[in-house]
Amino acid sequence: MVTNVDRENTTKAAQCAAMLSSDLKAVAASDDPLLAELGQEALELAIALEKRLERLESLVSE
């Protein structure tokens, strides 16, 4: 059974992942090549996490 707390926590996690992805886009656009490369790698992971959390969010909201 999914509780309201579960729903709220899942929603907050998805929102945080979206903010993280947004911030990492800026890092990936850095003029510093190493920082940009590391930012791009982290961005790819954050986007994957964001998508998984969005799917999870849709499951708990049903």
Protein backbone atom coordinates (compact mmCIF):
# COMPACT_ATOMS: atom_id res chain seq x y z
CA MET A 1 0.00 0.00 0.00
CA VAL A 2 1.38 3.36 -1.04
CA THR A 3 1.00 6.04 1.58
CA ASN A 4 0.73 9.80 1.13
CA VAL A 5 4.24 10.09 2.58
CA ASP A 6 5.51 7.70 -0.11
CA ARG A 7 3.85 9.80 -2.80
CA GLU A 8 5.26 13.04 -1.39
CA ASN A 9 8.77 11.61 -1.07
CA THR A 10 8.68 10.25 -4.60
CA THR A 11 7.48 13.58 -5.97
CA LYS A 12 10.18 15.48 -4.07
CA ALA A 13 12.86 13.08 -5.29
CA ALA A 14 11.72 13.51 -8.91
CA GLN A 15 11.71 17.30 -8.52
CA CYS A 16 15.21 17.27 -7.01
CA ALA A 17 16.49 15.10 -9.84
CA ALA A 18 15.05 17.58 -12.34
CA MET A 19 16.83 20.45 -10.58
CA LEU A 20 20.06 18.46 -10.50
CA SER A 21 19.81 17.80 -14.23
CA SER A 22 19.23 21.47 -14.86
CA ASP A 23 22.28 22.50 -12.84
CA LEU A 24 24.45 19.84 -14.46
CA LYS A 25 23.53 21.15 -17.91
CA ALA A 26 25.28 24.38 -16.93
CA VAL A 27 28.32 22.47 -15.68
CA ALA A 28 28.45 20.46 -18.91
CA ALA A 29 28.51 23.73 -20.84
CA SER A 30 31.62 24.91 -19.00
CA ASP A 31 34.52 26.38 -20.94
CA ASP A 32 36.84 24.10 -18.97
CA PRO A 33 37.10 20.88 -21.02
CA LEU A 34 37.58 18.57 -18.02
CA LEU A 35 34.73 20.14 -16.08
CA ALA A 36 32.50 19.98 -19.14
CA GLU A 37 33.33 16.30 -19.68
CA LEU A 38 32.69 15.38 -16.06
CA GLY A 39 29.54 17.48 -16.06
CA GLN A 40 28.28 15.68 -19.17
CA GLU A 41 28.89 12.28 -17.57
CA ALA A 42 27.07 13.34 -14.41
CA LEU A 43 24.26 14.85 -16.48
CA GLU A 44 23.68 11.56 -18.27
CA LEU A 45 23.38 9.76 -14.94
CA ALA A 46 21.08 12.44 -13.54
CA ILE A 47 18.79 12.27 -16.57
CA ALA A 48 18.54 8.49 -16.23
CA LEU A 49 17.72 8.87 -12.54
CA GLU A 50 15.17 11.58 -13.32
CA LYS A 51 13.41 9.32 -15.84
CA ARG A 52 13.31 6.40 -13.39
CA LEU A 53 11.90 8.62 -10.66
CA GLU A 54 9.25 9.99 -13.03
CA ARG A 55 8.17 6.42 -13.83
CA LEU A 56 8.12 5.60 -10.14
CA GLU A 57 6.13 8.75 -9.45
CA SER A 58 3.51 7.73 -12.01
CA LEU A 59 3.25 4.28 -10.41
CA VAL A 60 2.67 5.58 -6.88
CA SER A 61 0.13 8.15 -8.04
CA GLU A 62 -2.18 5.47 -9.46
